[in-house]
Amino acid sequence: MRFISKFFKSKSSVINVVRLNGVIASGSKFPGSSNLSLESLEKQIERAFSGKKIAGVALIINSPGGSPVQSALISERIIELSKKNNIPVFAFVEDVAASGGYWLACAADEIFVMPASIVGSIGVISAGFGFVEVIKKIGVERRVFSKGENKGMLDPFQPQNSDDVKVITDLQEEIHQLFKNWVSKRRGNRLNAEVVKAEGIFEAKIFSGTKACEIGLADSMGELKQVMRERFNEKVIFKEISGRKKLGQRLGLSSSSYYGVIDYIEERIAFAKFGL
């Protein structure tokens, strides 16, 4: 009986699951950060594409976005390994896949959402503060010494300069075009040019999962286990590929609660833009 059970189990397909939860950034000034970056995810991604009888890799995404560079690096690595090992990739959006989060979703061959998932925000943003009037009121004199005409660009303690603004907006336009090209390439004929224009898909709008399926940003609605069992078989095995813990975490040593709270606040601010 044990032999028979083992035999049938060996016939099961394996779906390796990678969770992409959090803000996308190259790292954190705080220890124990949960930011998504190629550095933090590479080993995890490599393990997801290694092994026997792998029918597919599933990405569970819950991210409000972040660095376009890290979004591209992570996505390109996923696609590279998918092609190299001939393993399909499926993205399952939970609460949100916005901005860089949607960039990651597009690394998959198919994108699945829930009806209330938030999808889209295909755009670029840069924000800051101006403290010119504040330092005047408190009597502070600003002293800056630099070489290079643009070295003090967008100094928050100096009046806003139209030339500086143009440099930033030109850069944003270039990055936005890269984002649009990426989505167009990955979604292919699932995106209709007329619908893209009419719905403002590339104008940083966000959509519900239901609407995302209608306009081509997602393929279908469905939950990981349900979809994979329908696609493959009821005996499919789900194997979650988790990141390796740092030495301090393995020894039961947590990072500073102060840093953890600040990191948590920063992440909550990013999710709060989408009401989450």
C-alpha atoms as a PDB file:
ATOM      1  CA  MET A   1       0.000   0.000   0.000  1.00  0.00           C
ATOM      2  CA  ARG A   2       2.845   2.362   0.801  1.00  0.00           C
ATOM      3  CA  PHE A   3       4.391   1.642  -2.591  1.00  0.00           C
ATOM      4  CA  ILE A   4       1.083   2.333  -4.373  1.00  0.00           C
ATOM      5  CA  SER A   5       0.555   5.567  -2.434  1.00  0.00           C
ATOM      6  CA  LYS A   6       4.077   6.682  -3.257  1.00  0.00           C
ATOM      7  CA  PHE A   7       3.595   5.795  -6.921  1.00  0.00           C
ATOM      8  CA  PHE A   8       0.436   7.884  -7.311  1.00  0.00           C
ATOM      9  CA  LYS A   9       1.971  10.765  -5.385  1.00  0.00           C
ATOM     10  CA  SER A  10       4.907  10.770  -7.794  1.00  0.00           C
ATOM     11  CA  LYS A  11       2.456  11.424 -10.616  1.00  0.00           C
ATOM     12  CA  SER A  12       1.335  14.690  -9.034  1.00  0.00           C
ATOM     13  CA  SER A  13       2.283  18.022 -10.562  1.00  0.00           C
ATOM     14  CA  VAL A  14       4.120  20.568  -8.430  1.00  0.00           C
ATOM     15  CA  ILE A  15       3.316  24.284  -8.312  1.00  0.00           C
ATOM     16  CA  ASN A  16       6.021  26.321  -6.654  1.00  0.00           C
ATOM     17  CA  VAL A  17       4.565  29.404  -4.968  1.00  0.00           C
ATOM     18  CA  VAL A  18       6.455  32.670  -4.438  1.00  0.00           C
ATOM     19  CA  ARG A  19       4.875  35.465  -2.410  1.00  0.00           C
ATOM     20  CA  LEU A  20       5.709  39.005  -3.516  1.00  0.00           C
ATOM     21  CA  ASN A  21       4.327  41.080  -0.665  1.00  0.00           C
ATOM     22  CA  GLY A  22       5.369  44.626   0.126  1.00  0.00           C
ATOM     23  CA  VAL A  23       6.982  47.735  -1.292  1.00  0.00           C
ATOM     24  CA  ILE A  24       9.499  47.316  -4.109  1.00  0.00           C
ATOM     25  CA  ALA A  25      12.812  48.946  -3.225  1.00  0.00           C
ATOM     26  CA  SER A  26      16.538  48.256  -3.526  1.00  0.00           C
ATOM     27  CA  GLY A  27      16.892  47.860   0.207  1.00  0.00           C
ATOM     28  CA  SER A  28      16.178  49.609   3.468  1.00  0.00           C
ATOM     29  CA  LYS A  29      18.056  51.798   5.863  1.00  0.00           C
ATOM     30  CA  PHE A  30      16.498  49.645   8.572  1.00  0.00           C
ATOM     31  CA  PRO A  31      17.441  46.050   9.445  1.00  0.00           C
ATOM     32  CA  GLY A  32      14.865  43.340   8.863  1.00  0.00           C
ATOM     33  CA  SER A  33      13.179  45.191   6.004  1.00  0.00           C
ATOM     34  CA  SER A  34      10.576  43.306   3.963  1.00  0.00           C
ATOM     35  CA  ASN A  35      11.200  45.326   0.800  1.00  0.00           C
ATOM     36  CA  LEU A  36      11.109  43.442  -2.498  1.00  0.00           C
ATOM     37  CA  SER A  37      14.319  43.633  -4.528  1.00  0.00           C
ATOM     38  CA  LEU A  38      16.276  41.329  -6.811  1.00  0.00           C
ATOM     39  CA  GLU A  39      18.900  40.971  -4.092  1.00  0.00           C
ATOM     40  CA  SER A  40      16.354  39.816  -1.518  1.00  0.00           C
ATOM     41  CA  LEU A  41      14.425  37.567  -3.915  1.00  0.00           C
ATOM     42  CA  GLU A  42      16.974  36.085  -6.326  1.00  0.00           C
ATOM     43  CA  LYS A  43      17.728  32.879  -4.391  1.00  0.00           C
ATOM     44  CA  GLN A  44      14.037  32.388  -3.736  1.00  0.00           C
ATOM     45  CA  ILE A  45      13.184  32.817  -7.420  1.00  0.00           C
ATOM     46  CA  GLU A  46      15.965  30.438  -8.480  1.00  0.00           C
ATOM     47  CA  ARG A  47      14.674  27.744  -6.116  1.00  0.00           C
ATOM     48  CA  ALA A  48      11.170  28.176  -7.502  1.00  0.00           C
ATOM     49  CA  PHE A  49      12.369  27.110 -10.950  1.00  0.00           C
ATOM     50  CA  SER A  50      14.526  24.207  -9.780  1.00  0.00           C
ATOM     51  CA  GLY A  51      13.360  20.707  -8.940  1.00  0.00           C
ATOM     52  CA  LYS A  52      11.417  17.874 -10.534  1.00  0.00           C
ATOM     53  CA  LYS A  53       7.898  17.689 -11.955  1.00  0.00           C
ATOM     54  CA  ILE A  54       7.344  21.443 -11.715  1.00  0.00           C
ATOM     55  CA  ALA A  55       4.192  22.237 -13.678  1.00  0.00           C
ATOM     56  CA  GLY A  56       4.375  25.974 -13.009  1.00  0.00           C
ATOM     57  CA  VAL A  57       5.489  28.805 -10.784  1.00  0.00           C
ATOM     58  CA  ALA A  58       2.785  30.904  -9.119  1.00  0.00           C
ATOM     59  CA  LEU A  59       3.439  34.471  -8.006  1.00  0.00           C
ATOM     60  CA  ILE A  60       1.110  35.718  -5.276  1.00  0.00           C
ATOM     61  CA  ILE A  61       1.291  39.501  -5.533  1.00  0.00           C
ATOM     62  CA  ASN A  62       0.290  42.089  -2.990  1.00  0.00           C
ATOM     63  CA  SER A  63       2.304  45.231  -3.702  1.00  0.00           C
ATOM     64  CA  PRO A  64       1.549  48.952  -4.117  1.00  0.00           C
ATOM     65  CA  GLY A  65       4.690  49.374  -6.204  1.00  0.00           C
ATOM     66  CA  GLY A  66       7.980  51.158  -5.733  1.00  0.00           C
ATOM     67  CA  SER A  67      11.260  51.185  -7.638  1.00  0.00           C
ATOM     68  CA  PRO A  68      10.888  50.764 -11.426  1.00  0.00           C
ATOM     69  CA  VAL A  69      14.463  49.484 -11.594  1.00  0.00           C
ATOM     70  CA  GLN A  70      13.886  46.701  -9.063  1.00  0.00           C
ATOM     71  CA  SER A  71      10.537  45.891 -10.676  1.00  0.00           C
ATOM     72  CA  ALA A  72      12.315  45.395 -13.998  1.00  0.00           C
ATOM     73  CA  LEU A  73      15.203  43.404 -12.507  1.00  0.00           C
ATOM     74  CA  ILE A  74      12.900  40.992 -10.667  1.00  0.00           C
ATOM     75  CA  SER A  75      10.604  40.578 -13.692  1.00  0.00           C
ATOM     76  CA  GLU A  76      13.444  39.950 -16.138  1.00  0.00           C
ATOM     77  CA  ARG A  77      14.925  37.297 -13.846  1.00  0.00           C
ATOM     78  CA  ILE A  78      11.588  35.509 -13.591  1.00  0.00           C
ATOM     79  CA  ILE A  79      11.134  35.533 -17.371  1.00  0.00           C
ATOM     80  CA  GLU A  80      14.714  34.383 -17.961  1.00  0.00           C
ATOM     81  CA  LEU A  81      14.314  31.337 -15.715  1.00  0.00           C
ATOM     82  CA  SER A  82      10.845  30.602 -17.077  1.00  0.00           C
ATOM     83  CA  LYS A  83      12.203  30.402 -20.641  1.00  0.00           C
ATOM     84  CA  LYS A  84      15.353  28.536 -19.641  1.00  0.00           C
ATOM     85  CA  ASN A  85      13.422  25.808 -17.790  1.00  0.00           C
ATOM     86  CA  ASN A  86      10.292  25.886 -19.970  1.00  0.00           C
ATOM     87  CA  ILE A  87       8.096  26.467 -16.910  1.00  0.00           C
ATOM     88  CA  PRO A  88       4.991  28.680 -17.181  1.00  0.00           C
ATOM     89  CA  VAL A  89       4.415  31.491 -14.683  1.00  0.00           C
ATOM     90  CA  PHE A  90       1.030  32.465 -13.237  1.00  0.00           C
ATOM     91  CA  ALA A  91       0.380  35.661 -11.260  1.00  0.00           C
ATOM     92  CA  PHE A  92      -2.367  35.799  -8.640  1.00  0.00           C
ATOM     93  CA  VAL A  93      -3.214  39.296  -7.417  1.00  0.00           C
ATOM     94  CA  GLU A  94      -4.530  39.562  -3.880  1.00  0.00           C
ATOM     95  CA  ASP A  95      -5.348  43.049  -2.557  1.00  0.00           C
ATOM     96  CA  VAL A  96      -3.279  45.129  -4.946  1.00  0.00           C
ATOM     97  CA  ALA A  97      -0.873  44.966  -7.874  1.00  0.00           C
ATOM     98  CA  ALA A  98      -0.380  48.641  -8.638  1.00  0.00           C
ATOM     99  CA  SER A  99       2.435  50.502 -10.357  1.00  0.00           C
ATOM    100  CA  GLY A 100       5.549  48.359  -9.801  1.00  0.00           C
ATOM    101  CA  GLY A 101       3.303  45.645  -8.383  1.00  0.00           C
ATOM    102  CA  TYR A 102       1.557  45.410 -11.749  1.00  0.00           C
ATOM    103  CA  TRP A 103       4.973  45.489 -13.463  1.00  0.00           C
ATOM    104  CA  LEU A 104       5.763  42.293 -11.531  1.00  0.00           C
ATOM    105  CA  ALA A 105       2.421  40.731 -12.476  1.00  0.00           C
ATOM    106  CA  CYS A 106       3.280  41.230 -16.141  1.00  0.00           C
ATOM    107  CA  ALA A 107       6.244  38.885 -15.719  1.00  0.00           C
ATOM    108  CA  ALA A 108       3.684  36.069 -15.684  1.00  0.00           C
ATOM    109  CA  ASP A 109       2.192  34.366 -18.712  1.00  0.00           C
ATOM    110  CA  GLU A 110      -1.273  34.790 -17.201  1.00  0.00           C
ATOM    111  CA  ILE A 111      -2.665  37.154 -14.576  1.00  0.00           C
ATOM    112  CA  PHE A 112      -5.499  36.143 -12.251  1.00  0.00           C
ATOM    113  CA  VAL A 113      -7.305  38.535  -9.912  1.00  0.00           C
ATOM    114  CA  MET A 114     -10.103  38.645  -7.379  1.00  0.00           C
ATOM    115  CA  PRO A 115     -13.138  40.828  -8.173  1.00  0.00           C
ATOM    116  CA  ALA A 116     -12.122  43.462  -5.600  1.00  0.00           C
ATOM    117  CA  SER A 117      -8.391  43.396  -6.344  1.00  0.00           C
ATOM    118  CA  ILE A 118      -6.859  46.767  -7.245  1.00  0.00           C
ATOM    119  CA  VAL A 119      -4.893  46.704 -10.488  1.00  0.00           C
ATOM    120  CA  GLY A 120      -3.107  49.263 -12.650  1.00  0.00           C
ATOM    121  CA  SER A 121      -1.601  52.634 -11.735  1.00  0.00           C
ATOM    122  CA  ILE A 122       0.642  52.528 -14.798  1.00  0.00           C
ATOM    123  CA  GLY A 123       2.437  55.793 -14.216  1.00  0.00           C
ATOM    124  CA  VAL A 124       5.390  57.499 -12.535  1.00  0.00           C
ATOM    125  CA  ILE A 125       5.387  59.862  -9.557  1.00  0.00           C
ATOM    126  CA  SER A 126       7.893  61.978  -7.684  1.00  0.00           C
ATOM    127  CA  ALA A 127       6.994  64.000  -4.601  1.00  0.00           C
ATOM    128  CA  GLY A 128       8.687  66.196  -2.053  1.00  0.00           C
ATOM    129  CA  PHE A 129       8.335  69.301   0.119  1.00  0.00           C
ATOM    130  CA  GLY A 130       9.369  72.913  -0.073  1.00  0.00           C
ATOM    131  CA  PHE A 131      10.637  74.622   3.105  1.00  0.00           C
ATOM    132  CA  VAL A 132      11.560  78.053   1.706  1.00  0.00           C
ATOM    133  CA  GLU A 133       9.032  80.024   3.758  1.00  0.00           C
ATOM    134  CA  VAL A 134       9.704  77.950   6.883  1.00  0.00           C
ATOM    135  CA  ILE A 135      13.397  78.812   7.063  1.00  0.00           C
ATOM    136  CA  LYS A 136      12.577  82.458   6.427  1.00  0.00           C
ATOM    137  CA  LYS A 137      10.204  82.525   9.386  1.00  0.00           C
ATOM    138  CA  ILE A 138      12.635  80.924  11.798  1.00  0.00           C
ATOM    139  CA  GLY A 139      15.556  83.031  10.567  1.00  0.00           C
ATOM    140  CA  VAL A 140      17.736  80.296   9.095  1.00  0.00           C
ATOM    141  CA  GLU A 141      20.247  81.175   6.384  1.00  0.00           C
ATOM    142  CA  ARG A 142      20.803  78.451   3.785  1.00  0.00           C
ATOM    143  CA  ARG A 143      24.450  77.964   2.716  1.00  0.00           C
ATOM    144  CA  VAL A 144      25.226  75.640  -0.215  1.00  0.00           C
ATOM    145  CA  PHE A 145      28.593  75.086  -1.920  1.00  0.00           C
ATOM    146  CA  SER A 146      28.721  72.923  -5.036  1.00  0.00           C
ATOM    147  CA  LYS A 147      30.405  72.343  -8.392  1.00  0.00           C
ATOM    148  CA  GLY A 148      28.187  71.507 -11.337  1.00  0.00           C
ATOM    149  CA  GLU A 149      25.231  73.576 -12.443  1.00  0.00           C
ATOM    150  CA  ASN A 150      22.603  70.969 -11.511  1.00  0.00           C
ATOM    151  CA  LYS A 151      24.143  69.642  -8.295  1.00  0.00           C
ATOM    152  CA  GLY A 152      21.605  71.396  -6.093  1.00  0.00           C
ATOM    153  CA  MET A 153      18.616  70.419  -8.212  1.00  0.00           C
ATOM    154  CA  LEU A 154      15.274  70.380  -6.362  1.00  0.00           C
ATOM    155  CA  ASP A 155      16.774  71.633  -3.113  1.00  0.00           C
ATOM    156  CA  PRO A 156      13.713  71.815  -0.805  1.00  0.00           C
ATOM    157  CA  PHE A 157      15.155  74.896   0.909  1.00  0.00           C
ATOM    158  CA  GLN A 158      15.390  76.875  -2.345  1.00  0.00           C
ATOM    159  CA  PRO A 159      12.568  78.253  -4.543  1.00  0.00           C
ATOM    160  CA  GLN A 160      11.367  75.794  -7.166  1.00  0.00           C
ATOM    161  CA  ASN A 161      13.220  76.182 -10.461  1.00  0.00           C
ATOM    162  CA  SER A 162      11.406  75.573 -13.770  1.00  0.00           C
ATOM    163  CA  ASP A 163      14.554  74.071 -15.335  1.00  0.00           C
ATOM    164  CA  ASP A 164      14.803  71.562 -12.484  1.00  0.00           C
ATOM    165  CA  VAL A 165      11.151  70.624 -12.896  1.00  0.00           C
ATOM    166  CA  LYS A 166      11.679  70.008 -16.618  1.00  0.00           C
ATOM    167  CA  VAL A 167      14.586  67.669 -15.912  1.00  0.00           C
ATOM    168  CA  ILE A 168      12.410  65.600 -13.576  1.00  0.00           C
ATOM    169  CA  THR A 169       9.336  65.555 -15.823  1.00  0.00           C
ATOM    170  CA  ASP A 170      11.453  64.565 -18.844  1.00  0.00           C
ATOM    171  CA  LEU A 171      12.901  61.714 -16.815  1.00  0.00           C
ATOM    172  CA  GLN A 172       9.428  60.674 -15.679  1.00  0.00           C
ATOM    173  CA  GLU A 173       8.219  60.693 -19.284  1.00  0.00           C
ATOM    174  CA  GLU A 174      11.057  58.370 -20.278  1.00  0.00           C
ATOM    175  CA  ILE A 175      10.381  55.927 -17.427  1.00  0.00           C
ATOM    176  CA  HIS A 176       6.626  56.071 -18.069  1.00  0.00           C
ATOM    177  CA  GLN A 177       7.238  55.130 -21.705  1.00  0.00           C
ATOM    178  CA  LEU A 178       9.353  52.163 -20.590  1.00  0.00           C
ATOM    179  CA  PHE A 179       6.493  51.059 -18.334  1.00  0.00           C
ATOM    180  CA  LYS A 180       3.942  51.376 -21.154  1.00  0.00           C
ATOM    181  CA  ASN A 181       6.215  49.479 -23.548  1.00  0.00           C
ATOM    182  CA  TRP A 182       6.646  46.694 -20.988  1.00  0.00           C
ATOM    183  CA  VAL A 183       2.910  46.283 -20.406  1.00  0.00           C
ATOM    184  CA  SER A 184       2.181  46.403 -24.152  1.00  0.00           C
ATOM    185  CA  LYS A 185       4.853  43.785 -24.840  1.00  0.00           C
ATOM    186  CA  ARG A 186       3.767  41.401 -22.101  1.00  0.00           C
ATOM    187  CA  ARG A 187       0.005  41.730 -22.583  1.00  0.00           C
ATOM    188  CA  GLY A 188       0.217  41.694 -26.395  1.00  0.00           C
ATOM    189  CA  ASN A 189      -3.067  41.510 -28.264  1.00  0.00           C
ATOM    190  CA  ARG A 190      -4.947  41.149 -24.978  1.00  0.00           C
ATOM    191  CA  LEU A 191      -4.749  44.961 -24.857  1.00  0.00           C
ATOM    192  CA  ASN A 192      -6.813  46.750 -27.473  1.00  0.00           C
ATOM    193  CA  ALA A 193      -5.411  50.161 -28.521  1.00  0.00           C
ATOM    194  CA  GLU A 194      -8.844  51.774 -28.549  1.00  0.00           C
ATOM    195  CA  VAL A 195      -9.675  50.424 -25.102  1.00  0.00           C
ATOM    196  CA  VAL A 196      -6.293  51.579 -23.769  1.00  0.00           C
ATOM    197  CA  LYS A 197      -7.057  55.127 -24.866  1.00  0.00           C
ATOM    198  CA  ALA A 198     -10.727  55.154 -23.906  1.00  0.00           C
ATOM    199  CA  GLU A 199     -10.142  53.725 -20.415  1.00  0.00           C
ATOM    200  CA  GLY A 200      -6.998  55.739 -19.664  1.00  0.00           C
ATOM    201  CA  ILE A 201      -5.113  52.532 -18.923  1.00  0.00           C
ATOM    202  CA  PHE A 202      -1.719  54.210 -19.320  1.00  0.00           C
ATOM    203  CA  GLU A 203      -2.742  57.313 -17.368  1.00  0.00           C
ATOM    204  CA  ALA A 204      -2.117  55.804 -13.927  1.00  0.00           C
ATOM    205  CA  LYS A 205      -5.773  54.911 -13.342  1.00  0.00           C
ATOM    206  CA  ILE A 206      -6.571  52.006 -11.056  1.00  0.00           C
ATOM    207  CA  PHE A 207      -9.207  49.366 -11.744  1.00  0.00           C
ATOM    208  CA  SER A 208     -11.047  46.627  -9.896  1.00  0.00           C
ATOM    209  CA  GLY A 209     -10.161  43.052 -10.716  1.00  0.00           C
ATOM    210  CA  THR A 210     -13.441  42.696 -12.575  1.00  0.00           C
ATOM    211  CA  LYS A 211     -12.732  45.736 -14.753  1.00  0.00           C
ATOM    212  CA  ALA A 212      -9.106  44.665 -15.265  1.00  0.00           C
ATOM    213  CA  CYS A 213     -10.333  41.445 -16.871  1.00  0.00           C
ATOM    214  CA  GLU A 214     -12.711  43.370 -19.128  1.00  0.00           C
ATOM    215  CA  ILE A 215     -10.013  45.711 -20.464  1.00  0.00           C
ATOM    216  CA  GLY A 216      -7.188  43.185 -20.768  1.00  0.00           C
ATOM    217  CA  LEU A 217      -4.975  44.043 -17.797  1.00  0.00           C
ATOM    218  CA  ALA A 218      -5.803  40.631 -16.328  1.00  0.00           C
ATOM    219  CA  ASP A 219      -6.859  37.339 -17.877  1.00  0.00           C
ATOM    220  CA  SER A 220      -9.412  35.907 -15.499  1.00  0.00           C
ATOM    221  CA  MET A 221     -10.679  35.824 -11.956  1.00  0.00           C
ATOM    222  CA  GLY A 222      -9.663  33.025  -9.666  1.00  0.00           C
ATOM    223  CA  GLU A 223      -7.806  31.877  -6.576  1.00  0.00           C
ATOM    224  CA  LEU A 224      -4.491  30.016  -6.706  1.00  0.00           C
ATOM    225  CA  LYS A 225      -5.520  26.506  -5.653  1.00  0.00           C
ATOM    226  CA  GLN A 226      -8.806  26.530  -7.518  1.00  0.00           C
ATOM    227  CA  VAL A 227      -7.247  27.674 -10.794  1.00  0.00           C
ATOM    228  CA  MET A 228      -4.224  25.371 -10.635  1.00  0.00           C
ATOM    229  CA  ARG A 229      -6.323  22.313  -9.797  1.00  0.00           C
ATOM    230  CA  GLU A 230      -8.602  23.057 -12.732  1.00  0.00           C
ATOM    231  CA  ARG A 231      -5.616  23.669 -14.998  1.00  0.00           C
ATOM    232  CA  PHE A 232      -3.623  20.599 -13.980  1.00  0.00           C
ATOM    233  CA  ASN A 233      -5.297  18.063 -11.682  1.00  0.00           C
ATOM    234  CA  GLU A 234      -6.756  17.598  -8.224  1.00  0.00           C
ATOM    235  CA  LYS A 235      -3.536  15.974  -7.032  1.00  0.00           C
ATOM    236  CA  VAL A 236      -1.420  19.062  -7.699  1.00  0.00           C
ATOM    237  CA  ILE A 237       1.047  19.795  -4.892  1.00  0.00           C
ATOM    238  CA  PHE A 238       1.616  23.388  -3.775  1.00  0.00           C
ATOM    239  CA  LYS A 239       5.088  24.099  -2.482  1.00  0.00           C
ATOM    240  CA  GLU A 240       5.688  27.544  -0.991  1.00  0.00           C
ATOM    241  CA  ILE A 241       9.187  28.827  -1.651  1.00  0.00           C
ATOM    242  CA  SER A 242      10.048  31.099   1.233  1.00  0.00           C
ATOM    243  CA  GLY A 243      13.038  33.390   1.566  1.00  0.00           C
ATOM    244  CA  ARG A 244      15.936  32.276   3.675  1.00  0.00           C
ATOM    245  CA  LYS A 245      15.981  33.905   7.089  1.00  0.00           C
ATOM    246  CA  LYS A 246      18.949  35.974   8.149  1.00  0.00           C
ATOM    247  CA  LEU A 247      21.255  34.589  10.834  1.00  0.00           C
ATOM    248  CA  GLY A 248      19.743  36.816  13.523  1.00  0.00           C
ATOM    249  CA  GLN A 249      16.225  35.654  12.648  1.00  0.00           C
ATOM    250  CA  ARG A 250      17.283  31.985  12.714  1.00  0.00           C
ATOM    251  CA  LEU A 251      18.728  32.534  16.173  1.00  0.00           C
ATOM    252  CA  GLY A 252      15.527  34.174  17.336  1.00  0.00           C
ATOM    253  CA  LEU A 253      16.986  37.679  17.455  1.00  0.00           C
ATOM    254  CA  SER A 254      14.624  40.356  16.169  1.00  0.00           C
ATOM    255  CA  SER A 255      15.636  43.728  14.735  1.00  0.00           C
ATOM    256  CA  SER A 256      15.109  46.944  16.680  1.00  0.00           C
ATOM    257  CA  SER A 257      11.439  47.557  17.368  1.00  0.00           C
ATOM    258  CA  TYR A 258      12.019  51.256  16.648  1.00  0.00           C
ATOM    259  CA  TYR A 259      13.267  50.560  13.123  1.00  0.00           C
ATOM    260  CA  GLY A 260      10.560  47.976  12.603  1.00  0.00           C
ATOM    261  CA  VAL A 261       7.827  50.451  13.484  1.00  0.00           C
ATOM    262  CA  ILE A 262       9.180  53.097  11.079  1.00  0.00           C
ATOM    263  CA  ASP A 263       9.513  50.546   8.272  1.00  0.00           C
ATOM    264  CA  TYR A 264       5.955  49.390   8.965  1.00  0.00           C
ATOM    265  CA  ILE A 265       4.649  52.977   8.838  1.00  0.00           C
ATOM    266  CA  GLU A 266       6.366  53.616   5.499  1.00  0.00           C
ATOM    267  CA  GLU A 267       4.839  50.470   4.044  1.00  0.00           C
ATOM    268  CA  ARG A 268       1.369  51.286   5.391  1.00  0.00           C
ATOM    269  CA  ILE A 269       1.565  54.744   3.799  1.00  0.00           C
ATOM    270  CA  ALA A 270       2.274  53.129   0.431  1.00  0.00           C
ATOM    271  CA  PHE A 271      -0.688  50.729   0.777  1.00  0.00           C
ATOM    272  CA  ALA A 272      -2.954  53.479   2.133  1.00  0.00           C
ATOM    273  CA  LYS A 273      -2.964  55.207  -1.259  1.00  0.00           C
ATOM    274  CA  PHE A 274      -5.216  52.356  -2.395  1.00  0.00           C
ATOM    275  CA  GLY A 275      -7.413  52.340   0.694  1.00  0.00           C
ATOM    276  CA  LEU A 276      -5.678  49.290   2.156  1.00  0.00           C
END
